[in-house]
Amino acid sequence: MDLTGKQIAEAAVALALAVALLSGIADWRHRKRDDLDRVAWLDWRSVQVFALIGAIVAFSVAVNLQ
């Protein structure tokens, strides 16, 4: 199974968008928690932002590859 660079970049876009979506859900659940003294292990908002940046970069690479 030979994958081209474009296919790998497209897969990276899909993966980054999935991570952004899941981290957005995790951040929403964290903000709506009942016990305000419970803290999160990760800052989900930062994870979401970096995943979106990665998706934009991977999308740019996928568009520019032939």
PDB file of N, CA and C in Angstrom:
ATOM      1  N   MET A   1       0.845  -1.175   0.000  1.00  0.00           N
ATOM      2  CA  MET A   1       0.000   0.000   0.000  1.00  0.00           C
ATOM      3  C   MET A   1       0.886   1.233   0.000  1.00  0.00           C
ATOM      4  N   ASP A   2       0.981   1.865  -1.138  1.00  0.00           N
ATOM      5  CA  ASP A   2       1.788   3.073  -1.265  1.00  0.00           C
ATOM      6  C   ASP A   2       0.908   4.298  -1.063  1.00  0.00           C
ATOM      7  N   LEU A   3       1.260   5.095  -0.091  1.00  0.00           N
ATOM      8  CA  LEU A   3       0.547   6.341   0.151  1.00  0.00           C
ATOM      9  C   LEU A   3       1.358   7.494  -0.409  1.00  0.00           C
ATOM     10  N   THR A   4       0.682   8.385  -1.079  1.00  0.00           N
ATOM     11  CA  THR A   4       1.357   9.570  -1.592  1.00  0.00           C
ATOM     12  C   THR A   4       1.436  10.611  -0.474  1.00  0.00           C
ATOM     13  N   GLY A   5       2.245  11.622  -0.716  1.00  0.00           N
ATOM     14  CA  GLY A   5       2.359  12.698   0.261  1.00  0.00           C
ATOM     15  C   GLY A   5       1.043  13.425   0.462  1.00  0.00           C
ATOM     16  N   LYS A   6       0.281  13.560  -0.616  1.00  0.00           N
ATOM     17  CA  LYS A   6      -1.018  14.229  -0.539  1.00  0.00           C
ATOM     18  C   LYS A   6      -1.980  13.433   0.343  1.00  0.00           C
ATOM     19  N   GLN A   7      -1.985  12.118   0.214  1.00  0.00           N
ATOM     20  CA  GLN A   7      -2.864  11.281   1.031  1.00  0.00           C
ATOM     21  C   GLN A   7      -2.469  11.347   2.512  1.00  0.00           C
ATOM     22  N   ILE A   8      -1.188  11.392   2.766  1.00  0.00           N
ATOM     23  CA  ILE A   8      -0.729  11.502   4.154  1.00  0.00           C
ATOM     24  C   ILE A   8      -1.131  12.845   4.739  1.00  0.00           C
ATOM     25  N   ALA A   9      -1.002  13.910   3.957  1.00  0.00           N
ATOM     26  CA  ALA A   9      -1.402  15.241   4.426  1.00  0.00           C
ATOM     27  C   ALA A   9      -2.907  15.298   4.665  1.00  0.00           C
ATOM     28  N   GLU A  10      -3.694  14.659   3.796  1.00  0.00           N
ATOM     29  CA  GLU A  10      -5.142  14.621   3.988  1.00  0.00           C
ATOM     30  C   GLU A  10      -5.510  13.842   5.239  1.00  0.00           C
ATOM     31  N   ALA A  11      -4.801  12.757   5.502  1.00  0.00           N
ATOM     32  CA  ALA A  11      -5.048  11.997   6.721  1.00  0.00           C
ATOM     33  C   ALA A  11      -4.675  12.819   7.954  1.00  0.00           C
ATOM     34  N   ALA A  12      -3.609  13.604   7.850  1.00  0.00           N
ATOM     35  CA  ALA A  12      -3.207  14.470   8.960  1.00  0.00           C
ATOM     36  C   ALA A  12      -4.268  15.533   9.233  1.00  0.00           C
ATOM     37  N   VAL A  13      -4.888  16.054   8.166  1.00  0.00           N
ATOM     38  CA  VAL A  13      -5.978  17.023   8.338  1.00  0.00           C
ATOM     39  C   VAL A  13      -7.131  16.376   9.089  1.00  0.00           C
ATOM     40  N   ALA A  14      -7.523  15.178   8.659  1.00  0.00           N
ATOM     41  CA  ALA A  14      -8.638  14.479   9.313  1.00  0.00           C
ATOM     42  C   ALA A  14      -8.329  14.188  10.776  1.00  0.00           C
ATOM     43  N   LEU A  15      -7.117  13.744  11.053  1.00  0.00           N
ATOM     44  CA  LEU A  15      -6.730  13.439  12.428  1.00  0.00           C
ATOM     45  C   LEU A  15      -6.712  14.693  13.291  1.00  0.00           C
ATOM     46  N   ALA A  16      -6.164  15.779  12.771  1.00  0.00           N
ATOM     47  CA  ALA A  16      -6.099  17.019  13.538  1.00  0.00           C
ATOM     48  C   ALA A  16      -7.495  17.571  13.805  1.00  0.00           C
ATOM     49  N   LEU A  17      -8.392  17.463  12.833  1.00  0.00           N
ATOM     50  CA  LEU A  17      -9.767  17.931  13.055  1.00  0.00           C
ATOM     51  C   LEU A  17     -10.493  17.067  14.086  1.00  0.00           C
ATOM     52  N   ALA A  18     -10.226  15.758  14.072  1.00  0.00           N
ATOM     53  CA  ALA A  18     -10.832  14.875  15.071  1.00  0.00           C
ATOM     54  C   ALA A  18     -10.324  15.214  16.474  1.00  0.00           C
ATOM     55  N   VAL A  19      -9.031  15.477  16.597  1.00  0.00           N
ATOM     56  CA  VAL A  19      -8.463  15.859  17.896  1.00  0.00           C
ATOM     57  C   VAL A  19      -9.053  17.189  18.357  1.00  0.00           C
ATOM     58  N   ALA A  20      -9.204  18.130  17.436  1.00  0.00           N
ATOM     59  CA  ALA A  20      -9.786  19.434  17.786  1.00  0.00           C
ATOM     60  C   ALA A  20     -11.226  19.270  18.259  1.00  0.00           C
ATOM     61  N   LEU A  21     -11.992  18.440  17.577  1.00  0.00           N
ATOM     62  CA  LEU A  21     -13.380  18.215  17.970  1.00  0.00           C
ATOM     63  C   LEU A  21     -13.469  17.563  19.347  1.00  0.00           C
ATOM     64  N   LEU A  22     -12.680  16.528  19.560  1.00  0.00           N
ATOM     65  CA  LEU A  22     -12.715  15.829  20.851  1.00  0.00           C
ATOM     66  C   LEU A  22     -12.216  16.712  21.991  1.00  0.00           C
ATOM     67  N   SER A  23     -11.208  17.517  21.739  1.00  0.00           N
ATOM     68  CA  SER A  23     -10.719  18.402  22.797  1.00  0.00           C
ATOM     69  C   SER A  23     -11.717  19.522  23.064  1.00  0.00           C
ATOM     70  N   GLY A  24     -12.464  19.946  22.053  1.00  0.00           N
ATOM     71  CA  GLY A  24     -13.523  20.923  22.267  1.00  0.00           C
ATOM     72  C   GLY A  24     -14.623  20.361  23.151  1.00  0.00           C
ATOM     73  N   ILE A  25     -14.976  19.114  22.930  1.00  0.00           N
ATOM     74  CA  ILE A  25     -15.976  18.453  23.775  1.00  0.00           C
ATOM     75  C   ILE A  25     -15.447  18.304  25.197  1.00  0.00           C
ATOM     76  N   ALA A  26     -14.188  17.923  25.328  1.00  0.00           N
ATOM     77  CA  ALA A  26     -13.596  17.773  26.667  1.00  0.00           C
ATOM     78  C   ALA A  26     -13.549  19.111  27.401  1.00  0.00           C
ATOM     79  N   ASP A  27     -13.231  20.186  26.688  1.00  0.00           N
ATOM     80  CA  ASP A  27     -13.201  21.510  27.308  1.00  0.00           C
ATOM     81  C   ASP A  27     -14.604  21.939  27.733  1.00  0.00           C
ATOM     82  N   TRP A  28     -15.595  21.674  26.892  1.00  0.00           N
ATOM     83  CA  TRP A  28     -16.976  22.010  27.229  1.00  0.00           C
ATOM     84  C   TRP A  28     -17.423  21.253  28.478  1.00  0.00           C
ATOM     85  N   ARG A  29     -17.093  19.946  28.549  1.00  0.00           N
ATOM     86  CA  ARG A  29     -17.460  19.150  29.726  1.00  0.00           C
ATOM     87  C   ARG A  29     -16.739  19.655  30.970  1.00  0.00           C
ATOM     88  N   HIS A  30     -15.484  20.089  30.805  1.00  0.00           N
ATOM     89  CA  HIS A  30     -14.718  20.584  31.944  1.00  0.00           C
ATOM     90  C   HIS A  30     -15.317  21.885  32.476  1.00  0.00           C
ATOM     91  N   ARG A  31     -15.762  22.754  31.577  1.00  0.00           N
ATOM     92  CA  ARG A  31     -16.356  24.019  32.012  1.00  0.00           C
ATOM     93  C   ARG A  31     -17.721  23.822  32.660  1.00  0.00           C
ATOM     94  N   LYS A  32     -18.441  22.751  32.333  1.00  0.00           N
ATOM     95  CA  LYS A  32     -19.776  22.494  32.861  1.00  0.00           C
ATOM     96  C   LYS A  32     -19.778  21.533  34.054  1.00  0.00           C
ATOM     97  N   ARG A  33     -18.608  21.246  34.625  1.00  0.00           N
ATOM     98  CA  ARG A  33     -18.522  20.263  35.701  1.00  0.00           C
ATOM     99  C   ARG A  33     -19.208  20.773  36.973  1.00  0.00           C
ATOM    100  N   ASP A  34     -19.658  19.848  37.793  1.00  0.00           N
ATOM    101  CA  ASP A  34     -20.327  20.191  39.047  1.00  0.00           C
ATOM    102  C   ASP A  34     -19.332  20.557  40.140  1.00  0.00           C
ATOM    103  N   ASP A  35     -18.244  19.814  40.230  1.00  0.00           N
ATOM    104  CA  ASP A  35     -17.241  20.044  41.264  1.00  0.00           C
ATOM    105  C   ASP A  35     -16.167  20.987  40.714  1.00  0.00           C
ATOM    106  N   LEU A  36     -16.250  22.251  41.056  1.00  0.00           N
ATOM    107  CA  LEU A  36     -15.321  23.238  40.507  1.00  0.00           C
ATOM    108  C   LEU A  36     -13.901  23.080  41.033  1.00  0.00           C
ATOM    109  N   ASP A  37     -13.716  22.289  42.097  1.00  0.00           N
ATOM    110  CA  ASP A  37     -12.378  22.070  42.637  1.00  0.00           C
ATOM    111  C   ASP A  37     -11.598  21.019  41.846  1.00  0.00           C
ATOM    112  N   ARG A  38     -12.296  20.254  41.006  1.00  0.00           N
ATOM    113  CA  ARG A  38     -11.589  19.275  40.169  1.00  0.00           C
ATOM    114  C   ARG A  38     -10.928  20.006  39.019  1.00  0.00           C
ATOM    115  N   VAL A  39      -9.646  19.782  38.856  1.00  0.00           N
ATOM    116  CA  VAL A  39      -8.919  20.428  37.766  1.00  0.00           C
ATOM    117  C   VAL A  39      -8.625  19.400  36.683  1.00  0.00           C
ATOM    118  N   ALA A  40      -8.430  19.881  35.478  1.00  0.00           N
ATOM    119  CA  ALA A  40      -8.133  18.995  34.347  1.00  0.00           C
ATOM    120  C   ALA A  40      -6.632  18.730  34.287  1.00  0.00           C
ATOM    121  N   TRP A  41      -6.273  17.590  33.753  1.00  0.00           N
ATOM    122  CA  TRP A  41      -4.862  17.259  33.575  1.00  0.00           C
ATOM    123  C   TRP A  41      -4.276  18.043  32.417  1.00  0.00           C
ATOM    124  N   LEU A  42      -5.104  18.323  31.442  1.00  0.00           N
ATOM    125  CA  LEU A  42      -4.656  19.056  30.259  1.00  0.00           C
ATOM    126  C   LEU A  42      -5.497  20.315  30.101  1.00  0.00           C
ATOM    127  N   ASP A  43      -4.902  21.314  29.515  1.00  0.00           N
ATOM    128  CA  ASP A  43      -5.657  22.502  29.136  1.00  0.00           C
ATOM    129  C   ASP A  43      -6.244  22.216  27.757  1.00  0.00           C
ATOM    130  N   TRP A  44      -7.497  21.791  27.738  1.00  0.00           N
ATOM    131  CA  TRP A  44      -8.112  21.316  26.513  1.00  0.00           C
ATOM    132  C   TRP A  44      -8.259  22.419  25.474  1.00  0.00           C
ATOM    133  N   ARG A  45      -8.402  23.648  25.915  1.00  0.00           N
ATOM    134  CA  ARG A  45      -8.515  24.745  24.956  1.00  0.00           C
ATOM    135  C   ARG A  45      -7.216  24.896  24.166  1.00  0.00           C
ATOM    136  N   SER A  46      -6.081  24.754  24.832  1.00  0.00           N
ATOM    137  CA  SER A  46      -4.792  24.834  24.128  1.00  0.00           C
ATOM    138  C   SER A  46      -4.616  23.667  23.163  1.00  0.00           C
ATOM    139  N   VAL A  47      -5.033  22.483  23.582  1.00  0.00           N
ATOM    140  CA  VAL A  47      -4.959  21.317  22.696  1.00  0.00           C
ATOM    141  C   VAL A  47      -5.793  21.568  21.444  1.00  0.00           C
ATOM    142  N   GLN A  48      -6.969  22.136  21.632  1.00  0.00           N
ATOM    143  CA  GLN A  48      -7.848  22.416  20.502  1.00  0.00           C
ATOM    144  C   GLN A  48      -7.219  23.445  19.550  1.00  0.00           C
ATOM    145  N   VAL A  49      -6.642  24.489  20.104  1.00  0.00           N
ATOM    146  CA  VAL A  49      -6.031  25.530  19.269  1.00  0.00           C
ATOM    147  C   VAL A  49      -4.872  24.954  18.468  1.00  0.00           C
ATOM    148  N   PHE A  50      -3.999  24.195  19.099  1.00  0.00           N
ATOM    149  CA  PHE A  50      -2.858  23.628  18.378  1.00  0.00           C
ATOM    150  C   PHE A  50      -3.301  22.595  17.340  1.00  0.00           C
ATOM    151  N   ALA A  51      -4.362  21.854  17.633  1.00  0.00           N
ATOM    152  CA  ALA A  51      -4.880  20.902  16.645  1.00  0.00           C
ATOM    153  C   ALA A  51      -5.454  21.636  15.433  1.00  0.00           C
ATOM    154  N   LEU A  52      -6.130  22.743  15.668  1.00  0.00           N
ATOM    155  CA  LEU A  52      -6.659  23.527  14.549  1.00  0.00           C
ATOM    156  C   LEU A  52      -5.527  24.144  13.720  1.00  0.00           C
ATOM    157  N   ILE A  53      -4.487  24.613  14.376  1.00  0.00           N
ATOM    158  CA  ILE A  53      -3.330  25.138  13.648  1.00  0.00           C
ATOM    159  C   ILE A  53      -2.686  24.024  12.816  1.00  0.00           C
ATOM    160  N   GLY A  54      -2.554  22.848  13.402  1.00  0.00           N
ATOM    161  CA  GLY A  54      -2.005  21.710  12.660  1.00  0.00           C
ATOM    162  C   GLY A  54      -2.869  21.324  11.471  1.00  0.00           C
ATOM    163  N   ALA A  55      -4.185  21.397  11.639  1.00  0.00           N
ATOM    164  CA  ALA A  55      -5.087  21.080  10.530  1.00  0.00           C
ATOM    165  C   ALA A  55      -4.945  22.093   9.401  1.00  0.00           C
ATOM    166  N   ILE A  56      -4.789  23.359   9.748  1.00  0.00           N
ATOM    167  CA  ILE A  56      -4.622  24.396   8.724  1.00  0.00           C
ATOM    168  C   ILE A  56      -3.317  24.189   7.964  1.00  0.00           C
ATOM    169  N   VAL A  57      -2.252  23.893   8.687  1.00  0.00           N
ATOM    170  CA  VAL A  57      -0.957  23.657   8.035  1.00  0.00           C
ATOM    171  C   VAL A  57      -1.024  22.414   7.147  1.00  0.00           C
ATOM    172  N   ALA A  58      -1.610  21.333   7.650  1.00  0.00           N
ATOM    173  CA  ALA A  58      -1.706  20.102   6.861  1.00  0.00           C
ATOM    174  C   ALA A  58      -2.599  20.307   5.641  1.00  0.00           C
ATOM    175  N   PHE A  59      -3.659  21.082   5.781  1.00  0.00           N
ATOM    176  CA  PHE A  59      -4.521  21.382   4.647  1.00  0.00           C
ATOM    177  C   PHE A  59      -3.765  22.176   3.591  1.00  0.00           C
ATOM    178  N   SER A  60      -2.970  23.123   4.020  1.00  0.00           N
ATOM    179  CA  SER A  60      -2.171  23.910   3.089  1.00  0.00           C
ATOM    180  C   SER A  60      -1.183  23.012   2.336  1.00  0.00           C
ATOM    181  N   VAL A  61      -0.564  22.099   3.052  1.00  0.00           N
ATOM    182  CA  VAL A  61       0.367  21.169   2.418  1.00  0.00           C
ATOM    183  C   VAL A  61      -0.355  20.282   1.433  1.00  0.00           C
ATOM    184  N   ALA A  62      -1.537  19.769   1.813  1.00  0.00           N
ATOM    185  CA  ALA A  62      -2.300  18.870   0.938  1.00  0.00           C
ATOM    186  C   ALA A  62      -2.741  19.599  -0.328  1.00  0.00           C
ATOM    187  N   VAL A  63      -3.126  20.847  -0.208  1.00  0.00           N
ATOM    188  CA  VAL A  63      -3.561  21.602  -1.384  1.00  0.00           C
ATOM    189  C   VAL A  63      -2.400  21.866  -2.334  1.00  0.00           C
ATOM    190  N   ASN A  64      -1.237  22.118  -1.773  1.00  0.00           N
ATOM    191  CA  ASN A  64      -0.084  22.475  -2.600  1.00  0.00           C
ATOM    192  C   ASN A  64       0.659  21.265  -3.180  1.00  0.00           C
ATOM    193  N   LEU A  65       0.390  20.066  -2.672  1.00  0.00           N
ATOM    194  CA  LEU A  65       1.024  18.875  -3.231  1.00  0.00           C
ATOM    195  C   LEU A  65       0.247  18.404  -4.456  1.00  0.00           C
ATOM    196  N   GLN A  66       0.965  17.810  -5.381  1.00  0.00           N
ATOM    197  CA  GLN A  66       0.294  17.296  -6.588  1.00  0.00           C
ATOM    198  C   GLN A  66       0.424  15.815  -6.690  1.00  0.00           C
TER     199      GLN A  66
END
